[in-house]
Amino acid sequence: MPGNLSVRPADSRPAAFVPVDGKNIPVLTMPAGPGQPMPITPGSIPAPANGQVMPLNPATVTNPVNGLTNSLNGTANSLTNQANNAVGGLNNPLNSAVNGANANLNTATNNLNNTVGGLNTQMNNTVNGLNSSLNDASRSLINTATNLNNQANSAIGGINNQVNGATSSLNNTINGLNTQANNTVGAANNAINNSLNSVTGAVSSWTEHPYKVQAGDSWDKISQAQYGTTLYAPTLKTFNQTHPRGAETLAKDGSPVAGQEVYLLPLDQIRKLTSAPR
């Protein structure tokens, strides 16, 4: 840019664009009088008498303005280029850093995916192994339970067979005892009846004694209490069963009933009717 661009106002005083204080920004200067040009500031150019601001001749300003415009455009272009270069210089390292970061991120992602894949494989293998072990244990437990159930059923069957056998044997024993008892009772009754029949033809008389049966009494107890022995218990039972009034007071099996009356024979008479030793 030229150091001085001349321009003349209407009053023919020279004016120029000159650098001020070593700066590259040109300032329009104009001498206020003889001497060096001074920066144009408000009041540096005397106003005409009529008070109007003295205009510059547009024709004389064209070249300096174009020069100033070109200078400004050059400066702007230079600054733009510098800015672009600076931005480019920043973009290159930034792009390199971004690319490096992306590469590192991709590598880390791949490593993480590989690690996750390996862990998934290990976990699947572990789960499959556990499932297999659990299935084996379940089958073994089911087999054991089945065997125990079979053993228990066999044992229960054996016990049932033993119980049934014992029950059958017990029933047979009971039946045998009942048969023996019935035979014994029948023989005793026959003996008593025979004794009674043997004395029926003889004329005998005696005095009966009524006895009120106490709680817990039996023919054995009554015989023991009245005659000092239980030998006359069967005779007392038969006598009362055949007695016209005694049969109504006895139980169905011929036992004495508490609160009812039975009839007792004198000792000498009951001895005659009893085949037991005196």
Protein backbone atom coordinates (compact mmCIF):
# COMPACT_ATOMS: atom_id res chain seq x y z
CA MET A 1 0.00 0.00 0.00
CA PRO A 2 1.45 3.46 -0.88
CA GLY A 3 2.53 5.57 2.05
CA ASN A 4 0.79 8.73 0.76
CA LEU A 5 -2.21 8.91 -1.51
CA SER A 6 -2.87 12.51 -2.52
CA VAL A 7 -6.34 13.90 -2.54
CA ARG A 8 -7.35 17.47 -2.81
CA PRO A 9 -10.42 18.96 -1.28
CA ALA A 10 -12.33 21.80 -2.83
CA ASP A 11 -10.13 24.41 -1.18
CA SER A 12 -7.06 22.87 -2.90
CA ARG A 13 -5.35 21.87 0.33
CA PRO A 14 -3.52 18.57 -0.12
CA ALA A 15 -4.80 15.50 1.78
CA ALA A 16 -3.29 12.04 2.01
CA PHE A 17 -3.77 8.50 3.45
CA VAL A 18 -0.68 7.88 5.52
CA PRO A 19 0.27 5.28 8.13
CA VAL A 20 0.13 6.67 11.63
CA ASP A 21 2.37 5.46 14.44
CA GLY A 22 3.73 2.63 12.29
CA LYS A 23 0.32 0.95 11.99
CA ASN A 24 -0.87 -0.56 8.74
CA ILE A 25 -4.23 1.12 8.99
CA PRO A 26 -4.17 4.24 6.79
CA VAL A 27 -5.65 7.43 8.15
CA LEU A 28 -6.85 10.22 5.91
CA THR A 29 -4.76 13.25 6.81
CA MET A 30 -4.78 16.79 5.61
CA PRO A 31 -2.56 19.74 6.53
CA ALA A 32 -4.30 22.35 8.56
CA GLY A 33 -1.82 24.84 7.09
CA PRO A 34 1.73 24.93 5.87
CA GLY A 35 3.78 22.06 7.29
CA GLN A 36 3.28 18.25 7.75
CA PRO A 37 -0.05 16.61 7.11
CA MET A 38 -2.10 15.96 10.25
CA PRO A 39 -4.93 13.48 10.79
CA ILE A 40 -8.27 14.81 9.86
CA THR A 41 -10.30 15.19 13.03
CA PRO A 42 -13.44 17.11 13.74
CA GLY A 43 -12.57 20.79 13.51
CA SER A 44 -9.27 20.25 11.67
CA ILE A 45 -10.77 21.67 8.48
CA PRO A 46 -12.15 25.21 8.91
CA ALA A 47 -15.75 25.52 7.96
CA PRO A 48 -16.73 28.16 5.34
CA ALA A 49 -18.25 31.32 6.48
CA ASN A 50 -21.75 30.15 5.81
CA GLY A 51 -21.22 27.36 8.48
CA GLN A 52 -21.42 24.43 6.05
CA VAL A 53 -18.83 21.62 6.12
CA MET A 54 -16.46 21.95 3.27
CA PRO A 55 -17.03 18.97 0.96
CA LEU A 56 -14.32 17.01 -0.77
CA ASN A 57 -14.42 16.72 -4.49
CA PRO A 58 -15.60 13.14 -5.22
CA ALA A 59 -13.41 12.94 -8.27
CA THR A 60 -10.32 13.51 -6.20
CA VAL A 61 -11.26 10.79 -3.66
CA THR A 62 -11.93 7.91 -6.09
CA ASN A 63 -8.39 6.60 -6.40
CA PRO A 64 -7.58 6.66 -2.68
CA VAL A 65 -10.89 4.89 -1.86
CA ASN A 66 -10.26 2.21 -4.44
CA GLY A 67 -6.78 1.79 -3.10
CA LEU A 68 -8.09 1.64 0.41
CA THR A 69 -10.68 -0.94 -0.67
CA ASN A 70 -8.07 -3.03 -2.43
CA SER A 71 -5.82 -2.76 0.59
CA LEU A 72 -8.61 -3.81 2.89
CA ASN A 73 -9.54 -6.67 0.56
CA GLY A 74 -5.92 -7.79 0.46
CA THR A 75 -5.66 -7.59 4.20
CA ALA A 76 -8.94 -9.48 4.55
CA ASN A 77 -7.81 -12.12 2.06
CA SER A 78 -4.51 -12.47 3.86
CA LEU A 79 -6.26 -12.83 7.19
CA THR A 80 -8.69 -15.31 5.65
CA ASN A 81 -5.83 -17.36 4.25
CA GLN A 82 -4.04 -17.27 7.57
CA ALA A 83 -7.23 -18.28 9.32
CA ASN A 84 -7.79 -21.08 6.81
CA ASN A 85 -4.22 -22.23 7.20
CA ALA A 86 -4.56 -22.11 10.98
CA VAL A 87 -7.84 -23.96 10.83
CA GLY A 88 -6.31 -26.48 8.44
CA GLY A 89 -3.36 -26.87 10.75
CA LEU A 90 -5.74 -27.46 13.62
CA ASN A 91 -8.01 -29.75 11.59
CA ASN A 92 -5.18 -32.06 10.58
CA PRO A 93 -4.05 -32.91 14.13
CA LEU A 94 -7.66 -32.96 15.26
CA ASN A 95 -8.61 -35.31 12.44
CA SER A 96 -5.61 -37.47 13.21
CA ALA A 97 -6.52 -37.51 16.89
CA VAL A 98 -10.16 -38.34 16.06
CA ASN A 99 -9.08 -41.07 13.66
CA GLY A 100 -6.69 -42.47 16.26
CA ALA A 101 -9.38 -42.33 18.91
CA ASN A 102 -11.81 -44.05 16.57
CA ALA A 103 -9.25 -46.75 15.82
CA ASN A 104 -8.57 -47.23 19.52
CA LEU A 105 -12.31 -47.30 20.23
CA ASN A 106 -12.88 -49.86 17.47
CA THR A 107 -10.03 -51.99 18.82
CA ALA A 108 -11.40 -51.74 22.37
CA THR A 109 -14.90 -52.56 21.10
CA ASN A 110 -13.62 -55.61 19.24
CA ASN A 111 -11.68 -56.72 22.30
CA LEU A 112 -14.75 -56.23 24.49
CA ASN A 113 -16.93 -58.13 22.03
CA ASN A 114 -14.40 -60.96 21.97
CA THR A 115 -14.26 -61.00 25.75
CA VAL A 116 -18.06 -60.97 26.04
CA GLY A 117 -18.28 -63.72 23.44
CA GLY A 118 -15.76 -65.81 25.36
CA LEU A 119 -17.63 -65.23 28.63
CA ASN A 120 -20.92 -66.16 26.97
CA THR A 121 -19.38 -69.35 25.64
CA GLN A 122 -17.97 -70.22 29.06
CA MET A 123 -21.28 -69.42 30.74
CA ASN A 124 -23.22 -71.52 28.23
CA ASN A 125 -20.81 -74.41 28.73
CA THR A 126 -21.13 -74.08 32.51
CA VAL A 127 -24.94 -73.92 32.36
CA ASN A 128 -25.05 -76.91 30.03
CA GLY A 129 -22.76 -78.83 32.37
CA LEU A 130 -24.90 -77.93 35.37
CA ASN A 131 -28.06 -78.95 33.53
CA SER A 132 -26.50 -82.26 32.57
CA SER A 133 -25.36 -82.88 36.16
CA LEU A 134 -28.80 -81.90 37.46
CA ASN A 135 -30.51 -84.25 35.02
CA ASP A 136 -28.18 -87.09 36.01
CA ALA A 137 -28.83 -86.40 39.69
CA SER A 138 -32.58 -86.30 39.08
CA ARG A 139 -32.51 -89.61 37.22
CA SER A 140 -30.42 -91.17 39.98
CA LEU A 141 -32.79 -89.84 42.64
CA ILE A 142 -35.83 -91.14 40.75
CA ASN A 143 -34.21 -94.56 40.38
CA THR A 144 -33.35 -94.63 44.07
CA ALA A 145 -36.89 -93.60 45.04
CA THR A 146 -38.33 -96.26 42.73
CA ASN A 147 -36.09 -98.93 44.26
CA LEU A 148 -37.02 -97.85 47.77
CA ASN A 149 -40.70 -97.88 46.85
CA ASN A 150 -40.38 -101.38 45.43
CA GLN A 151 -38.53 -102.54 48.53
CA ALA A 152 -41.14 -100.94 50.77
CA ASN A 153 -43.96 -102.56 48.81
CA SER A 154 -42.23 -105.93 49.05
CA ALA A 155 -41.68 -105.48 52.79
CA ILE A 156 -45.29 -104.38 53.30
CA GLY A 157 -46.50 -107.35 51.26
CA GLY A 158 -44.40 -109.69 53.37
CA ILE A 159 -45.69 -108.11 56.59
CA ASN A 160 -49.27 -108.35 55.34
CA ASN A 161 -48.74 -112.01 54.53
CA GLN A 162 -47.30 -112.61 57.99
CA VAL A 163 -50.14 -110.70 59.64
CA ASN A 164 -52.71 -112.60 57.60
CA GLY A 165 -51.04 -115.89 58.51
CA ALA A 166 -50.90 -114.95 62.19
CA THR A 167 -54.52 -113.79 62.09
CA SER A 168 -55.60 -117.03 60.48
CA SER A 169 -53.63 -119.04 63.04
CA LEU A 170 -55.08 -116.95 65.88
CA ASN A 171 -58.59 -117.44 64.55
CA ASN A 172 -58.01 -121.16 64.37
CA THR A 173 -56.72 -121.17 67.94
CA ILE A 174 -59.69 -119.13 69.13
CA ASN A 175 -62.08 -121.41 67.32
CA GLY A 176 -60.37 -124.41 68.90
CA LEU A 177 -60.58 -122.84 72.35
CA ASN A 178 -64.23 -121.97 71.80
CA THR A 179 -64.90 -125.52 70.76
CA GLN A 180 -63.11 -126.86 73.82
CA ALA A 181 -64.93 -124.42 76.09
CA ASN A 182 -68.28 -125.34 74.58
CA ASN A 183 -67.46 -128.99 74.99
CA THR A 184 -66.41 -128.44 78.61
CA VAL A 185 -69.53 -126.41 79.42
CA GLY A 186 -71.69 -128.97 77.69
CA ALA A 187 -70.13 -131.79 79.68
CA ALA A 188 -70.61 -129.87 82.92
CA ASN A 189 -74.23 -129.17 82.08
CA ASN A 190 -74.77 -132.80 81.24
CA ALA A 191 -73.23 -133.83 84.55
CA ILE A 192 -75.41 -131.41 86.45
CA ASN A 193 -78.47 -132.50 84.56
CA ASN A 194 -77.63 -136.11 85.25
CA SER A 195 -77.22 -135.32 88.93
CA LEU A 196 -80.54 -133.52 89.01
CA ASN A 197 -82.20 -136.35 87.17
CA SER A 198 -80.76 -138.89 89.60
CA VAL A 199 -82.39 -137.17 92.57
CA THR A 200 -85.64 -136.29 90.87
CA GLY A 201 -87.25 -139.54 91.84
CA ALA A 202 -86.46 -139.05 95.53
CA VAL A 203 -88.69 -136.83 97.58
CA SER A 204 -86.62 -134.00 99.03
CA SER A 205 -87.46 -130.64 100.54
CA TRP A 206 -85.29 -127.66 101.53
CA THR A 207 -85.55 -123.99 102.28
CA GLU A 208 -84.31 -121.53 99.61
CA HIS A 209 -82.60 -118.33 100.61
CA PRO A 210 -82.95 -115.31 98.28
CA TYR A 211 -79.75 -113.30 97.75
CA LYS A 212 -79.57 -109.77 96.27
CA VAL A 213 -76.72 -109.62 93.76
CA GLN A 214 -74.08 -106.98 94.51
CA ALA A 215 -72.07 -105.01 91.98
CA GLY A 216 -69.17 -107.13 90.72
CA ASP A 217 -70.71 -110.41 91.87
CA SER A 218 -70.32 -113.60 89.86
CA TRP A 219 -71.31 -117.21 90.58
CA ASP A 220 -67.76 -117.91 91.73
CA LYS A 221 -67.83 -114.98 94.16
CA ILE A 222 -71.28 -115.90 95.49
CA SER A 223 -70.26 -119.56 95.92
CA GLN A 224 -67.05 -118.54 97.68
CA ALA A 225 -68.89 -116.12 99.98
CA GLN A 226 -71.75 -118.47 100.84
CA TYR A 227 -70.10 -121.89 100.89
CA GLY A 228 -66.40 -121.13 101.30
CA THR A 229 -65.52 -122.56 97.87
CA THR A 230 -66.11 -121.88 94.20
CA LEU A 231 -66.93 -125.53 93.47
CA TYR A 232 -70.68 -124.90 93.73
CA ALA A 233 -70.74 -122.02 91.21
CA PRO A 234 -71.91 -124.20 88.23
CA THR A 235 -74.64 -125.80 90.41
CA LEU A 236 -75.93 -122.40 91.53
CA LYS A 237 -76.02 -121.17 87.94
CA THR A 238 -77.93 -124.23 86.70
CA PHE A 239 -80.30 -124.14 89.69
CA ASN A 240 -81.20 -120.48 89.10
CA GLN A 241 -81.51 -120.94 85.34
CA THR A 242 -84.09 -123.69 85.95
CA HIS A 243 -85.77 -121.88 88.82
CA PRO A 244 -89.26 -120.60 87.99
CA ARG A 245 -88.44 -117.11 89.26
CA GLY A 246 -84.69 -117.01 88.94
CA ALA A 247 -84.45 -117.32 85.15
CA GLU A 248 -86.11 -113.93 84.66
CA THR A 249 -83.52 -112.10 86.76
CA LEU A 250 -80.41 -113.48 85.05
CA ALA A 251 -78.51 -112.20 82.05
CA LYS A 252 -78.78 -113.99 78.73
CA ASP A 253 -75.59 -115.93 79.41
CA GLY A 254 -76.90 -116.95 82.87
CA SER A 255 -74.74 -114.49 84.82
CA PRO A 256 -76.17 -112.79 87.94
CA VAL A 257 -77.31 -109.17 87.47
CA ALA A 258 -76.52 -106.57 90.16
CA GLY A 259 -79.64 -105.52 92.07
CA GLN A 260 -81.58 -108.70 91.13
CA GLU A 261 -82.32 -111.67 93.42
CA VAL A 262 -80.92 -115.18 92.99
CA TYR A 263 -81.71 -118.23 95.08
CA LEU A 264 -79.29 -120.16 97.29
CA LEU A 265 -79.55 -123.80 98.44
CA PRO A 266 -78.60 -125.16 101.84
CA LEU A 267 -75.10 -126.59 101.94
CA ASP A 268 -76.19 -130.21 102.34
CA GLN A 269 -78.61 -129.93 99.44
CA ILE A 270 -76.17 -128.24 97.07
CA ARG A 271 -73.67 -130.94 97.90
CA LYS A 272 -76.14 -133.54 96.76
CA LEU A 273 -76.66 -131.72 93.46
CA THR A 274 -72.97 -131.18 92.83
CA SER A 275 -70.68 -133.86 91.51
CA ALA A 276 -67.64 -131.95 92.78
CA PRO A 277 -65.71 -133.48 95.72
CA ARG A 278 -66.81 -132.41 99.21
